[in-house]
Amino acid sequence: MRRDLDQDDIIVILSPIIGGLLLAGSAVATIQTIDFVKSASRTEGTITWVKGAHAQIEFTLNGKDKRTFSQSGFFYYPVGDRVPVLYRFESQNPAQYHARIDTPVAVWHDTIFLAAMGIGFLGVRPYMKYNNRSK
């Protein structure tokens, strides 16, 4: 006799798939972050505005070329604070660059977030099975 899937069945099936994809994304983000940190240059920047967990940072190259970037994350800096900055120009288009505040949380934010979400989704199936064992 065939039984229709209910909402709990779908959650139990999809949660490990989603968790695995998020952990795979975390692995990719780890590789990209390591590559970025190895090849990035370091300088100092200034926080020019803050809105919640979003900040805009301005830094200067060669004493004259001003650049800005925005970053979100679990950090707080008041406007005017000096912060360490990692930056790298893209090899295919030197006019474009990638920059981050040079602190562990700011640099690894994407990897940590994806890994935490992946682990959370992987935990849904055991949680659902544990809660439904008496039914």
N, C-alpha and C. Protein backbone atom coordinates (compact mmCIF):
# COMPACT_ATOMS: atom_id res chain seq x y z
N MET A 1 0.84 -1.18 0.00
CA MET A 1 0.00 0.00 0.00
C MET A 1 0.89 1.24 0.00
N ARG A 2 0.62 2.15 -0.91
CA ARG A 2 1.40 3.37 -1.05
C ARG A 2 0.83 4.47 -0.16
N ARG A 3 1.71 5.17 0.50
CA ARG A 3 1.31 6.25 1.41
C ARG A 3 1.74 7.58 0.81
N ASP A 4 0.89 8.58 0.86
CA ASP A 4 1.24 9.91 0.37
C ASP A 4 2.25 10.56 1.31
N LEU A 5 3.12 11.39 0.74
CA LEU A 5 4.09 12.11 1.56
C LEU A 5 3.39 13.25 2.28
N ASP A 6 3.66 13.39 3.55
CA ASP A 6 3.14 14.54 4.27
C ASP A 6 4.27 15.56 4.46
N GLN A 7 3.96 16.64 5.12
CA GLN A 7 4.94 17.73 5.30
C GLN A 7 6.18 17.25 6.05
N ASP A 8 6.03 16.44 7.06
CA ASP A 8 7.18 15.95 7.81
C ASP A 8 8.09 15.08 6.93
N ASP A 9 7.49 14.26 6.06
CA ASP A 9 8.29 13.42 5.16
C ASP A 9 9.13 14.27 4.22
N ILE A 10 8.52 15.31 3.71
CA ILE A 10 9.24 16.20 2.78
C ILE A 10 10.38 16.90 3.50
N ILE A 11 10.14 17.35 4.72
CA ILE A 11 11.20 18.00 5.51
C ILE A 11 12.34 17.02 5.77
N VAL A 12 12.01 15.80 6.15
CA VAL A 12 13.03 14.78 6.45
C VAL A 12 13.85 14.45 5.19
N ILE A 13 13.22 14.48 4.04
CA ILE A 13 13.93 14.18 2.78
C ILE A 13 14.79 15.37 2.34
N LEU A 14 14.23 16.57 2.39
CA LEU A 14 14.93 17.74 1.84
C LEU A 14 16.01 18.32 2.77
N SER A 15 15.83 18.23 4.07
CA SER A 15 16.78 18.88 4.98
C SER A 15 18.21 18.38 4.82
N PRO A 16 18.49 17.08 4.68
CA PRO A 16 19.88 16.69 4.50
C PRO A 16 20.44 17.11 3.14
N ILE A 17 19.57 17.19 2.13
CA ILE A 17 20.03 17.65 0.82
C ILE A 17 20.43 19.12 0.89
N ILE A 18 19.56 19.93 1.50
CA ILE A 18 19.87 21.35 1.65
C ILE A 18 21.11 21.53 2.53
N GLY A 19 21.19 20.78 3.62
CA GLY A 19 22.36 20.87 4.50
C GLY A 19 23.64 20.51 3.78
N GLY A 20 23.60 19.45 2.97
CA GLY A 20 24.78 19.05 2.20
C GLY A 20 25.20 20.11 1.21
N LEU A 21 24.21 20.73 0.54
CA LEU A 21 24.53 21.79 -0.42
C LEU A 21 25.13 23.01 0.29
N LEU A 22 24.60 23.36 1.46
CA LEU A 22 25.15 24.48 2.21
C LEU A 22 26.58 24.18 2.68
N LEU A 23 26.85 22.95 3.12
CA LEU A 23 28.21 22.59 3.52
C LEU A 23 29.15 22.58 2.32
N ALA A 24 28.65 22.16 1.16
CA ALA A 24 29.47 22.22 -0.06
C ALA A 24 29.78 23.69 -0.39
N GLY A 25 28.78 24.55 -0.24
CA GLY A 25 29.00 25.98 -0.46
C GLY A 25 30.02 26.54 0.53
N SER A 26 29.98 26.05 1.76
CA SER A 26 30.95 26.47 2.76
C SER A 26 32.37 26.04 2.37
N ALA A 27 32.49 24.84 1.82
CA ALA A 27 33.81 24.36 1.36
C ALA A 27 34.33 25.24 0.23
N VAL A 28 33.46 25.59 -0.71
CA VAL A 28 33.86 26.47 -1.81
C VAL A 28 34.26 27.84 -1.26
N ALA A 29 33.46 28.38 -0.34
CA ALA A 29 33.77 29.68 0.26
C ALA A 29 35.10 29.63 1.02
N THR A 30 35.40 28.50 1.65
CA THR A 30 36.68 28.34 2.36
C THR A 30 37.84 28.43 1.38
N ILE A 31 37.74 27.71 0.28
CA ILE A 31 38.81 27.73 -0.74
C ILE A 31 38.98 29.13 -1.31
N GLN A 32 37.88 29.81 -1.62
CA GLN A 32 37.97 31.17 -2.16
C GLN A 32 38.55 32.15 -1.14
N THR A 33 38.19 32.00 0.12
CA THR A 33 38.71 32.89 1.16
C THR A 33 40.19 32.67 1.37
N ILE A 34 40.63 31.42 1.39
CA ILE A 34 42.06 31.13 1.52
C ILE A 34 42.83 31.75 0.36
N ASP A 35 42.32 31.58 -0.85
CA ASP A 35 42.96 32.16 -2.03
C ASP A 35 43.02 33.69 -1.93
N PHE A 36 41.92 34.29 -1.49
CA PHE A 36 41.89 35.75 -1.33
C PHE A 36 42.90 36.22 -0.30
N VAL A 37 42.93 35.58 0.87
CA VAL A 37 43.84 36.01 1.94
C VAL A 37 45.30 35.87 1.50
N LYS A 38 45.62 34.78 0.79
CA LYS A 38 47.00 34.56 0.34
C LYS A 38 47.46 35.62 -0.66
N SER A 39 46.55 36.07 -1.53
CA SER A 39 46.97 36.96 -2.61
C SER A 39 46.61 38.43 -2.37
N ALA A 40 45.94 38.74 -1.28
CA ALA A 40 45.50 40.11 -1.03
C ALA A 40 46.63 40.98 -0.47
N SER A 41 46.51 42.26 -0.75
CA SER A 41 47.40 43.25 -0.16
C SER A 41 46.72 43.82 1.07
N ARG A 42 47.53 44.40 1.94
CA ARG A 42 46.99 44.96 3.19
C ARG A 42 47.22 46.46 3.23
N THR A 43 46.23 47.14 3.81
CA THR A 43 46.33 48.57 4.03
C THR A 43 45.41 48.92 5.19
N GLU A 44 45.23 50.20 5.42
CA GLU A 44 44.33 50.63 6.48
C GLU A 44 43.25 51.49 5.85
N GLY A 45 42.02 51.36 6.36
CA GLY A 45 40.90 52.14 5.85
C GLY A 45 40.17 52.84 6.98
N THR A 46 39.19 53.66 6.59
CA THR A 46 38.39 54.42 7.55
C THR A 46 36.92 54.12 7.33
N ILE A 47 36.20 53.89 8.41
CA ILE A 47 34.75 53.68 8.33
C ILE A 47 34.11 55.03 8.00
N THR A 48 33.37 55.09 6.88
CA THR A 48 32.76 56.36 6.47
C THR A 48 31.28 56.44 6.79
N TRP A 49 30.58 55.32 6.87
CA TRP A 49 29.20 55.29 7.36
C TRP A 49 28.87 53.90 7.86
N VAL A 50 27.90 53.87 8.78
CA VAL A 50 27.45 52.61 9.37
C VAL A 50 25.93 52.64 9.43
N LYS A 51 25.31 51.54 9.02
CA LYS A 51 23.86 51.38 9.17
C LYS A 51 23.62 49.96 9.62
N GLY A 52 23.31 49.78 10.90
CA GLY A 52 23.14 48.44 11.46
C GLY A 52 24.46 47.69 11.41
N ALA A 53 24.44 46.52 10.75
CA ALA A 53 25.66 45.71 10.61
C ALA A 53 26.33 45.94 9.28
N HIS A 54 25.96 47.00 8.58
CA HIS A 54 26.55 47.33 7.28
C HIS A 54 27.44 48.56 7.45
N ALA A 55 28.61 48.49 6.86
CA ALA A 55 29.54 49.62 6.95
C ALA A 55 30.15 49.90 5.58
N GLN A 56 30.49 51.15 5.37
CA GLN A 56 31.26 51.52 4.17
C GLN A 56 32.64 51.94 4.62
N ILE A 57 33.64 51.41 3.93
CA ILE A 57 35.02 51.66 4.30
C ILE A 57 35.72 52.31 3.12
N GLU A 58 36.51 53.32 3.42
CA GLU A 58 37.30 54.00 2.39
C GLU A 58 38.77 53.75 2.67
N PHE A 59 39.53 53.43 1.63
CA PHE A 59 40.97 53.28 1.78
C PHE A 59 41.66 53.92 0.59
N THR A 60 42.92 54.23 0.76
CA THR A 60 43.68 54.94 -0.26
C THR A 60 44.85 54.08 -0.72
N LEU A 61 45.03 54.03 -2.04
CA LEU A 61 46.17 53.32 -2.63
C LEU A 61 47.21 54.34 -3.08
N ASN A 62 48.45 54.09 -2.79
CA ASN A 62 49.57 54.96 -3.22
C ASN A 62 49.38 56.40 -2.80
N GLY A 63 48.65 56.64 -1.71
CA GLY A 63 48.49 57.98 -1.19
C GLY A 63 47.57 58.88 -1.99
N LYS A 64 46.95 58.39 -3.09
CA LYS A 64 46.11 59.28 -3.90
C LYS A 64 44.85 58.64 -4.46
N ASP A 65 44.84 57.37 -4.71
CA ASP A 65 43.71 56.68 -5.35
C ASP A 65 42.75 56.16 -4.29
N LYS A 66 41.64 56.91 -4.06
CA LYS A 66 40.67 56.52 -3.04
C LYS A 66 39.72 55.46 -3.57
N ARG A 67 39.48 54.44 -2.74
CA ARG A 67 38.55 53.35 -3.07
C ARG A 67 37.61 53.17 -1.89
N THR A 68 36.40 52.70 -2.18
CA THR A 68 35.45 52.39 -1.11
C THR A 68 34.85 51.01 -1.35
N PHE A 69 34.40 50.40 -0.27
CA PHE A 69 33.67 49.14 -0.36
C PHE A 69 32.73 49.05 0.82
N SER A 70 31.69 48.26 0.66
CA SER A 70 30.73 48.02 1.73
C SER A 70 30.90 46.61 2.24
N GLN A 71 30.64 46.43 3.51
CA GLN A 71 30.73 45.10 4.09
C GLN A 71 29.66 44.94 5.15
N SER A 72 29.11 43.74 5.20
CA SER A 72 28.13 43.38 6.23
C SER A 72 28.74 42.29 7.09
N GLY A 73 28.26 42.18 8.30
CA GLY A 73 28.76 41.10 9.15
C GLY A 73 28.49 41.36 10.61
N PHE A 74 29.05 40.49 11.41
CA PHE A 74 28.86 40.56 12.86
C PHE A 74 30.00 41.38 13.47
N PHE A 75 29.96 42.66 13.25
CA PHE A 75 30.95 43.56 13.80
C PHE A 75 30.32 44.93 13.92
N TYR A 76 30.93 45.78 14.71
CA TYR A 76 30.45 47.15 14.82
C TYR A 76 31.65 48.07 14.97
N TYR A 77 31.69 49.05 14.11
CA TYR A 77 32.71 50.09 14.19
C TYR A 77 32.01 51.43 14.08
N PRO A 78 32.38 52.40 14.89
CA PRO A 78 31.81 53.74 14.72
C PRO A 78 32.45 54.45 13.52
N VAL A 79 31.73 55.41 12.97
CA VAL A 79 32.25 56.21 11.86
C VAL A 79 33.54 56.89 12.30
N GLY A 80 34.54 56.84 11.43
CA GLY A 80 35.83 57.45 11.72
C GLY A 80 36.88 56.47 12.21
N ASP A 81 36.46 55.29 12.65
CA ASP A 81 37.43 54.28 13.10
C ASP A 81 38.33 53.84 11.96
N ARG A 82 39.59 53.61 12.30
CA ARG A 82 40.55 53.06 11.33
C ARG A 82 40.51 51.54 11.47
N VAL A 83 40.46 50.84 10.34
CA VAL A 83 40.38 49.38 10.34
C VAL A 83 41.37 48.81 9.34
N PRO A 84 41.89 47.61 9.62
CA PRO A 84 42.77 46.96 8.65
C PRO A 84 41.93 46.46 7.46
N VAL A 85 42.47 46.57 6.27
CA VAL A 85 41.75 46.19 5.05
C VAL A 85 42.60 45.23 4.23
N LEU A 86 41.96 44.18 3.72
CA LEU A 86 42.56 43.29 2.71
C LEU A 86 41.92 43.64 1.38
N TYR A 87 42.71 43.78 0.32
CA TYR A 87 42.14 44.05 -0.99
C TYR A 87 42.95 43.33 -2.07
N ARG A 88 42.25 43.04 -3.16
CA ARG A 88 42.90 42.38 -4.30
C ARG A 88 42.22 42.86 -5.57
N PHE A 89 43.03 43.21 -6.55
CA PHE A 89 42.50 43.57 -7.86
C PHE A 89 42.25 42.29 -8.65
N GLU A 90 41.18 42.29 -9.42
CA GLU A 90 40.84 41.13 -10.24
C GLU A 90 41.79 41.06 -11.44
N SER A 91 42.31 39.86 -11.72
CA SER A 91 43.30 39.71 -12.79
C SER A 91 42.71 39.97 -14.18
N GLN A 92 41.45 39.61 -14.41
CA GLN A 92 40.85 39.83 -15.73
C GLN A 92 40.48 41.30 -15.96
N ASN A 93 40.19 42.02 -14.89
CA ASN A 93 39.80 43.41 -15.02
C ASN A 93 40.42 44.19 -13.85
N PRO A 94 41.61 44.76 -14.06
CA PRO A 94 42.31 45.45 -12.96
C PRO A 94 41.56 46.65 -12.38
N ALA A 95 40.54 47.15 -13.08
CA ALA A 95 39.76 48.26 -12.52
C ALA A 95 38.84 47.78 -11.41
N GLN A 96 38.55 46.48 -11.37
CA GLN A 96 37.70 45.93 -10.33
C GLN A 96 38.57 45.34 -9.22
N TYR A 97 38.06 45.42 -8.01
CA TYR A 97 38.80 44.89 -6.86
C TYR A 97 37.82 44.29 -5.86
N HIS A 98 38.36 43.48 -4.99
CA HIS A 98 37.59 42.86 -3.92
C HIS A 98 38.28 43.25 -2.61
N ALA A 99 37.51 43.72 -1.63
CA ALA A 99 38.11 44.14 -0.37
C ALA A 99 37.24 43.69 0.80
N ARG A 100 37.89 43.48 1.93
CA ARG A 100 37.23 43.10 3.18
C ARG A 100 37.98 43.70 4.34
N ILE A 101 37.25 43.92 5.43
CA ILE A 101 37.92 44.31 6.66
C ILE A 101 38.76 43.11 7.10
N ASP A 102 39.98 43.36 7.52
CA ASP A 102 40.91 42.29 7.87
C ASP A 102 40.79 41.89 9.34
N THR A 103 39.66 41.29 9.67
CA THR A 103 39.47 40.67 10.98
C THR A 103 38.92 39.26 10.72
N PRO A 104 39.17 38.32 11.62
CA PRO A 104 38.71 36.94 11.37
C PRO A 104 37.21 36.83 11.07
N VAL A 105 36.37 37.52 11.83
CA VAL A 105 34.93 37.42 11.60
C VAL A 105 34.55 38.01 10.25
N ALA A 106 35.12 39.15 9.89
CA ALA A 106 34.79 39.78 8.61
C ALA A 106 35.29 38.95 7.42
N VAL A 107 36.47 38.38 7.54
CA VAL A 107 37.04 37.60 6.44
C VAL A 107 36.31 36.28 6.28
N TRP A 108 35.97 35.62 7.37
CA TRP A 108 35.40 34.27 7.32
C TRP A 108 33.88 34.24 7.50
N HIS A 109 33.22 35.38 7.48
CA HIS A 109 31.79 35.46 7.72
C HIS A 109 30.98 34.52 6.81
N ASP A 110 31.22 34.54 5.51
CA ASP A 110 30.46 33.70 4.57
C ASP A 110 30.62 32.22 4.88
N THR A 111 31.86 31.81 5.11
CA THR A 111 32.14 30.41 5.40
C THR A 111 31.45 29.96 6.69
N ILE A 112 31.56 30.78 7.73
CA ILE A 112 30.95 30.44 9.03
C ILE A 112 29.44 30.36 8.89
N PHE A 113 28.84 31.31 8.20
CA PHE A 113 27.39 31.34 8.03
C PHE A 113 26.90 30.11 7.27
N LEU A 114 27.53 29.79 6.14
CA LEU A 114 27.11 28.63 5.35
C LEU A 114 27.29 27.32 6.13
N ALA A 115 28.39 27.20 6.85
CA ALA A 115 28.63 25.98 7.63
C ALA A 115 27.60 25.84 8.75
N ALA A 116 27.30 26.92 9.44
CA ALA A 116 26.31 26.86 10.52
C ALA A 116 24.93 26.50 9.98
N MET A 117 24.55 27.09 8.87
CA MET A 117 23.26 26.76 8.27
C MET A 117 23.23 25.31 7.80
N GLY A 118 24.31 24.84 7.20
CA GLY A 118 24.39 23.45 6.75
C GLY A 118 24.26 22.47 7.90
N ILE A 119 24.96 22.73 8.98
CA ILE A 119 24.89 21.86 10.16
C ILE A 119 23.47 21.89 10.74
N GLY A 120 22.87 23.07 10.75
CA GLY A 120 21.50 23.19 11.24
C GLY A 120 20.52 22.36 10.42
N PHE A 121 20.64 22.44 9.09
CA PHE A 121 19.75 21.65 8.24
C PHE A 121 20.02 20.15 8.39
N LEU A 122 21.27 19.77 8.57
CA LEU A 122 21.56 18.35 8.77
C LEU A 122 20.97 17.85 10.09
N GLY A 123 20.82 18.73 11.05
CA GLY A 123 20.26 18.34 12.33
C GLY A 123 18.75 18.20 12.34
N VAL A 124 18.08 18.68 11.29
CA VAL A 124 16.62 18.62 11.26
C VAL A 124 16.12 17.19 11.21
N ARG A 125 16.74 16.37 10.38
CA ARG A 125 16.27 14.98 10.23
C ARG A 125 16.35 14.20 11.55
N PRO A 126 17.51 14.19 12.21
CA PRO A 126 17.55 13.48 13.50
C PRO A 126 16.57 14.07 14.51
N TYR A 127 16.41 15.37 14.51
CA TYR A 127 15.46 16.01 15.43
C TYR A 127 14.03 15.53 15.14
N MET A 128 13.66 15.51 13.85
CA MET A 128 12.30 15.09 13.47
C MET A 128 12.09 13.62 13.83
N LYS A 129 13.09 12.79 13.56
CA LYS A 129 12.95 11.36 13.89
C LYS A 129 12.85 11.17 15.40
N TYR A 130 13.63 11.92 16.17
CA TYR A 130 13.60 11.81 17.63
C TYR A 130 12.23 12.24 18.17
N ASN A 131 11.70 13.34 17.65
CA ASN A 131 10.42 13.84 18.13
C ASN A 131 9.24 12.96 17.71
N ASN A 132 9.38 12.26 16.59
CA ASN A 132 8.27 11.44 16.08
C ASN A 132 8.38 9.96 16.46
N ARG A 133 9.33 9.60 17.30
CA ARG A 133 9.56 8.18 17.60
C ARG A 133 8.40 7.53 18.35
N SER A 134 7.63 8.34 19.07
CA SER A 134 6.53 7.76 19.84
C SER A 134 5.23 7.69 19.04
N LYS A 135 5.22 8.27 17.86
CA LYS A 135 3.98 8.30 17.05
C LYS A 135 3.80 7.04 16.26
